[in-house]
């Protein structure tokens, strides 16, 4: 797999992971069903999945070549990007009109 494909794989995985807490009612996708799941659980899942997506990105970077050391600005931007990725799921869960 080329470097470009690996980067897009990480971005796609982050996009899916950001929306998972808002799409299903299970705790951490595999846990027991909670109906309705509270916003606190969804935020906790979002933080854990963001850390996993970041870990996947760091693993991919170290696999491609030497891992570049990052400062806090990188992690702040990555967190904002992850929250942006989560926006469609949030809108679907909380802002959509129900009949």
N, C-alpha and C. Protein backbone atom coordinates (compact mmCIF):
# COMPACT_ATOMS: atom_id res chain seq x y z
N UNK A 1 0.85 -1.16 0.00
CA UNK A 1 0.00 0.00 0.00
C UNK A 1 0.90 1.23 0.00
N UNK A 2 0.56 2.20 -0.83
CA UNK A 2 1.37 3.42 -0.93
C UNK A 2 1.13 4.35 0.25
N UNK A 3 1.98 5.33 0.36
CA UNK A 3 1.88 6.28 1.48
C UNK A 3 0.59 7.07 1.41
N UNK A 4 0.17 7.45 0.22
CA UNK A 4 -1.06 8.22 0.07
C UNK A 4 -2.26 7.40 0.51
N UNK A 5 -2.29 6.15 0.15
CA UNK A 5 -3.40 5.28 0.55
C UNK A 5 -3.43 5.10 2.07
N UNK A 6 -2.27 5.00 2.69
CA UNK A 6 -2.23 4.86 4.15
C UNK A 6 -2.76 6.11 4.85
N UNK A 7 -2.43 7.27 4.30
CA UNK A 7 -2.92 8.53 4.87
C UNK A 7 -4.44 8.59 4.74
N UNK A 8 -4.98 8.25 3.58
CA UNK A 8 -6.43 8.27 3.39
C UNK A 8 -7.12 7.22 4.25
N UNK A 9 -6.45 6.11 4.50
CA UNK A 9 -7.01 5.09 5.39
C UNK A 9 -7.15 5.64 6.82
N UNK A 10 -6.17 6.36 7.28
CA UNK A 10 -6.23 6.97 8.62
C UNK A 10 -7.32 8.02 8.68
N UNK A 11 -7.44 8.85 7.64
CA UNK A 11 -8.48 9.87 7.61
C UNK A 11 -9.87 9.23 7.58
N UNK A 12 -10.03 8.20 6.79
CA UNK A 12 -11.32 7.49 6.74
C UNK A 12 -11.66 6.82 8.06
N UNK A 13 -10.66 6.21 8.69
CA UNK A 13 -10.90 5.58 10.00
C UNK A 13 -11.28 6.62 11.04
N UNK A 14 -10.66 7.79 11.00
CA UNK A 14 -11.01 8.86 11.93
C UNK A 14 -12.41 9.37 11.66
N UNK A 15 -12.82 9.47 10.41
CA UNK A 15 -14.17 9.92 10.07
C UNK A 15 -15.22 8.95 10.58
N UNK A 16 -14.98 7.67 10.41
CA UNK A 16 -15.92 6.66 10.91
C UNK A 16 -15.93 6.65 12.44
N UNK A 17 -14.76 6.70 13.06
CA UNK A 17 -14.66 6.67 14.52
C UNK A 17 -15.32 7.89 15.15
N UNK A 18 -15.26 9.03 14.50
CA UNK A 18 -15.85 10.24 15.07
C UNK A 18 -17.37 10.18 15.09
N UNK A 19 -17.96 9.43 14.17
CA UNK A 19 -19.41 9.36 14.09
C UNK A 19 -20.00 8.15 14.81
N UNK A 20 -19.19 7.18 15.19
CA UNK A 20 -19.69 5.98 15.87
C UNK A 20 -20.44 6.27 17.17
N UNK A 21 -19.98 7.16 18.03
CA UNK A 21 -20.72 7.38 19.28
C UNK A 21 -22.14 7.91 19.06
N UNK A 22 -22.38 8.58 17.96
CA UNK A 22 -23.68 9.17 17.71
C UNK A 22 -24.60 8.26 16.93
N UNK A 23 -24.05 7.24 16.30
CA UNK A 23 -24.87 6.38 15.45
C UNK A 23 -25.46 5.20 16.22
N UNK A 24 -24.70 4.59 17.12
CA UNK A 24 -25.24 3.42 17.81
C UNK A 24 -25.47 3.69 19.29
N UNK A 25 -26.23 2.82 19.91
CA UNK A 25 -26.60 2.98 21.32
C UNK A 25 -25.79 2.06 22.25
N UNK A 26 -24.84 1.33 21.71
CA UNK A 26 -24.02 0.46 22.54
C UNK A 26 -22.83 1.22 23.10
N UNK A 27 -22.37 0.82 24.28
CA UNK A 27 -21.20 1.46 24.86
C UNK A 27 -19.95 0.97 24.15
N UNK A 28 -19.18 1.88 23.62
CA UNK A 28 -17.95 1.57 22.89
C UNK A 28 -18.18 0.53 21.80
N UNK A 29 -19.25 0.63 21.10
CA UNK A 29 -19.66 -0.15 19.95
C UNK A 29 -19.98 -1.60 20.29
N UNK A 30 -19.27 -2.22 21.20
CA UNK A 30 -19.46 -3.64 21.49
C UNK A 30 -20.12 -3.91 22.84
N UNK A 31 -20.20 -2.92 23.69
CA UNK A 31 -20.70 -3.11 25.05
C UNK A 31 -22.20 -3.27 25.12
N UNK A 32 -22.74 -3.23 26.33
CA UNK A 32 -24.19 -3.41 26.49
C UNK A 32 -24.95 -2.22 25.90
N UNK A 33 -26.17 -2.52 25.50
CA UNK A 33 -27.02 -1.49 24.90
C UNK A 33 -27.57 -0.58 25.98
N UNK A 34 -27.48 0.72 25.76
CA UNK A 34 -28.05 1.72 26.67
C UNK A 34 -29.02 2.56 25.85
N UNK A 35 -30.27 2.50 26.22
CA UNK A 35 -31.25 3.24 25.44
C UNK A 35 -31.99 4.20 26.33
N UNK A 36 -31.90 5.46 26.23
CA UNK A 36 -30.99 6.21 25.39
C UNK A 36 -29.65 6.42 26.07
N UNK A 37 -28.62 6.47 25.28
CA UNK A 37 -27.27 6.71 25.80
C UNK A 37 -27.11 8.21 26.04
N UNK A 38 -26.58 8.57 27.20
CA UNK A 38 -26.48 9.99 27.55
C UNK A 38 -25.34 10.67 26.78
N UNK A 39 -25.39 11.99 26.77
CA UNK A 39 -24.36 12.76 26.08
C UNK A 39 -22.99 12.55 26.72
N UNK A 40 -22.95 12.35 28.04
CA UNK A 40 -21.68 12.09 28.72
C UNK A 40 -20.98 10.85 28.20
N UNK A 41 -21.75 9.77 27.99
CA UNK A 41 -21.16 8.55 27.43
C UNK A 41 -20.66 8.80 26.01
N UNK A 42 -21.42 9.56 25.25
CA UNK A 42 -21.01 9.83 23.87
C UNK A 42 -19.71 10.65 23.83
N UNK A 43 -19.58 11.62 24.72
CA UNK A 43 -18.35 12.43 24.75
C UNK A 43 -17.16 11.57 25.19
N UNK A 44 -17.37 10.71 26.19
CA UNK A 44 -16.30 9.81 26.63
C UNK A 44 -15.86 8.90 25.49
N UNK A 45 -16.82 8.32 24.78
CA UNK A 45 -16.49 7.48 23.63
C UNK A 45 -15.74 8.28 22.57
N UNK A 46 -16.17 9.52 22.35
CA UNK A 46 -15.53 10.37 21.35
C UNK A 46 -14.07 10.62 21.71
N UNK A 47 -13.79 10.87 22.99
CA UNK A 47 -12.41 11.09 23.43
C UNK A 47 -11.55 9.83 23.26
N UNK A 48 -12.11 8.68 23.64
CA UNK A 48 -11.36 7.43 23.52
C UNK A 48 -11.10 7.10 22.05
N UNK A 49 -12.12 7.27 21.21
CA UNK A 49 -11.94 6.98 19.79
C UNK A 49 -10.99 7.98 19.13
N UNK A 50 -10.97 9.22 19.61
CA UNK A 50 -10.01 10.19 19.09
C UNK A 50 -8.59 9.77 19.44
N UNK A 51 -8.39 9.28 20.65
CA UNK A 51 -7.06 8.80 21.04
C UNK A 51 -6.65 7.59 20.20
N UNK A 52 -7.60 6.70 19.92
CA UNK A 52 -7.28 5.54 19.08
C UNK A 52 -6.96 5.95 17.65
N UNK A 53 -7.70 6.90 17.11
CA UNK A 53 -7.42 7.38 15.75
C UNK A 53 -6.06 8.07 15.69
N UNK A 54 -5.74 8.85 16.73
CA UNK A 54 -4.43 9.49 16.79
C UNK A 54 -3.32 8.44 16.89
N UNK A 55 -3.56 7.41 17.69
CA UNK A 55 -2.59 6.31 17.79
C UNK A 55 -2.39 5.60 16.47
N UNK A 56 -3.48 5.41 15.71
CA UNK A 56 -3.36 4.80 14.39
C UNK A 56 -2.54 5.68 13.46
N UNK A 57 -2.75 6.98 13.54
CA UNK A 57 -1.96 7.90 12.72
C UNK A 57 -0.49 7.88 13.09
N UNK A 58 -0.20 7.85 14.38
CA UNK A 58 1.20 7.80 14.81
C UNK A 58 1.85 6.48 14.41
N UNK A 59 1.10 5.40 14.51
CA UNK A 59 1.61 4.09 14.11
C UNK A 59 1.90 4.07 12.61
N UNK A 60 1.00 4.63 11.83
CA UNK A 60 1.20 4.69 10.39
C UNK A 60 2.41 5.56 10.04
N UNK A 61 2.54 6.68 10.74
CA UNK A 61 3.69 7.56 10.48
C UNK A 61 5.00 6.87 10.81
N UNK A 62 5.04 6.14 11.91
CA UNK A 62 6.28 5.45 12.26
C UNK A 62 6.55 4.28 11.30
N UNK A 63 5.50 3.70 10.74
CA UNK A 63 5.67 2.62 9.77
C UNK A 63 6.20 3.15 8.45
N UNK A 64 5.74 4.36 8.06
CA UNK A 64 6.19 4.95 6.80
C UNK A 64 7.65 5.37 6.88
N UNK A 65 8.02 5.95 7.99
CA UNK A 65 9.39 6.42 8.13
C UNK A 65 9.60 6.90 9.56
N UNK A 66 10.51 7.81 9.73
CA UNK A 66 10.80 8.31 11.06
C UNK A 66 9.65 9.18 11.55
N UNK A 67 9.22 8.95 12.77
CA UNK A 67 8.12 9.71 13.37
C UNK A 67 8.63 11.09 13.78
N UNK A 68 7.92 12.11 13.35
CA UNK A 68 8.30 13.49 13.65
C UNK A 68 7.74 13.89 15.01
N UNK A 69 8.54 14.43 15.91
CA UNK A 69 8.01 14.86 17.22
C UNK A 69 7.06 16.04 17.05
N UNK A 70 5.95 16.01 17.80
CA UNK A 70 4.91 17.03 17.67
C UNK A 70 4.82 17.85 18.95
N UNK A 71 4.39 19.09 18.82
CA UNK A 71 4.11 19.95 19.95
C UNK A 71 2.61 19.97 20.22
N UNK A 72 2.19 20.76 21.18
CA UNK A 72 0.79 20.78 21.57
C UNK A 72 -0.11 21.30 20.46
N UNK A 73 0.42 22.13 19.57
CA UNK A 73 -0.39 22.68 18.49
C UNK A 73 -0.92 21.59 17.56
N UNK A 74 -0.10 20.58 17.32
CA UNK A 74 -0.53 19.47 16.48
C UNK A 74 -1.70 18.75 17.10
N UNK A 75 -1.62 18.47 18.39
CA UNK A 75 -2.69 17.73 19.07
C UNK A 75 -3.97 18.57 19.17
N UNK A 76 -3.83 19.89 19.33
CA UNK A 76 -5.00 20.77 19.34
C UNK A 76 -5.68 20.77 17.97
N UNK A 77 -4.90 20.84 16.91
CA UNK A 77 -5.47 20.82 15.56
C UNK A 77 -6.10 19.47 15.25
N UNK A 78 -5.46 18.39 15.68
CA UNK A 78 -6.02 17.06 15.45
C UNK A 78 -7.34 16.88 16.20
N UNK A 79 -7.41 17.40 17.42
CA UNK A 79 -8.67 17.34 18.17
C UNK A 79 -9.77 18.13 17.51
N UNK A 80 -9.45 19.31 17.00
CA UNK A 80 -10.45 20.12 16.30
C UNK A 80 -10.91 19.44 15.01
N UNK A 81 -9.98 18.81 14.30
CA UNK A 81 -10.35 18.08 13.09
C UNK A 81 -11.26 16.90 13.43
N UNK A 82 -10.96 16.21 14.52
CA UNK A 82 -11.80 15.08 14.93
C UNK A 82 -13.21 15.55 15.30
N UNK A 83 -13.30 16.68 15.99
CA UNK A 83 -14.62 17.25 16.31
C UNK A 83 -15.36 17.67 15.05
N UNK A 84 -14.64 18.18 14.07
CA UNK A 84 -15.27 18.52 12.79
C UNK A 84 -15.79 17.27 12.09
N UNK A 85 -15.02 16.19 12.16
CA UNK A 85 -15.47 14.93 11.58
C UNK A 85 -16.73 14.41 12.29
N UNK A 86 -16.88 14.71 13.58
CA UNK A 86 -18.03 14.21 14.35
C UNK A 86 -19.29 15.02 14.12
N UNK A 87 -19.20 16.15 13.44
CA UNK A 87 -20.36 17.03 13.27
C UNK A 87 -21.54 16.36 12.57
N UNK A 88 -21.36 15.57 11.49
CA UNK A 88 -22.54 14.94 10.87
C UNK A 88 -23.28 14.00 11.82
N UNK A 89 -22.56 13.23 12.61
CA UNK A 89 -23.21 12.34 13.57
C UNK A 89 -23.95 13.11 14.66
N UNK A 90 -23.36 14.21 15.12
CA UNK A 90 -24.00 15.04 16.12
C UNK A 90 -25.29 15.65 15.58
N UNK A 91 -25.25 16.14 14.36
CA UNK A 91 -26.44 16.72 13.74
C UNK A 91 -27.50 15.65 13.57
N UNK A 92 -27.12 14.47 13.14
CA UNK A 92 -28.09 13.40 12.94
C UNK A 92 -28.74 12.99 14.27
N UNK A 93 -27.98 12.97 15.34
CA UNK A 93 -28.50 12.52 16.63
C UNK A 93 -29.31 13.60 17.33
N UNK A 94 -28.84 14.84 17.35
CA UNK A 94 -29.44 15.85 18.21
C UNK A 94 -30.19 16.98 17.48
N UNK A 95 -29.88 17.28 16.26
CA UNK A 95 -30.48 18.43 15.59
C UNK A 95 -31.50 18.06 14.53
N UNK A 96 -31.62 16.80 14.22
CA UNK A 96 -32.55 16.34 13.18
C UNK A 96 -33.97 16.37 13.74
N UNK A 97 -34.91 16.74 12.90
CA UNK A 97 -36.32 16.73 13.31
C UNK A 97 -36.84 15.32 13.31
N UNK A 98 -37.52 14.97 14.36
CA UNK A 98 -38.15 13.64 14.45
C UNK A 98 -39.64 13.81 14.26
N UNK A 99 -40.27 12.85 13.65
CA UNK A 99 -41.72 12.92 13.44
C UNK A 99 -42.45 12.30 14.59
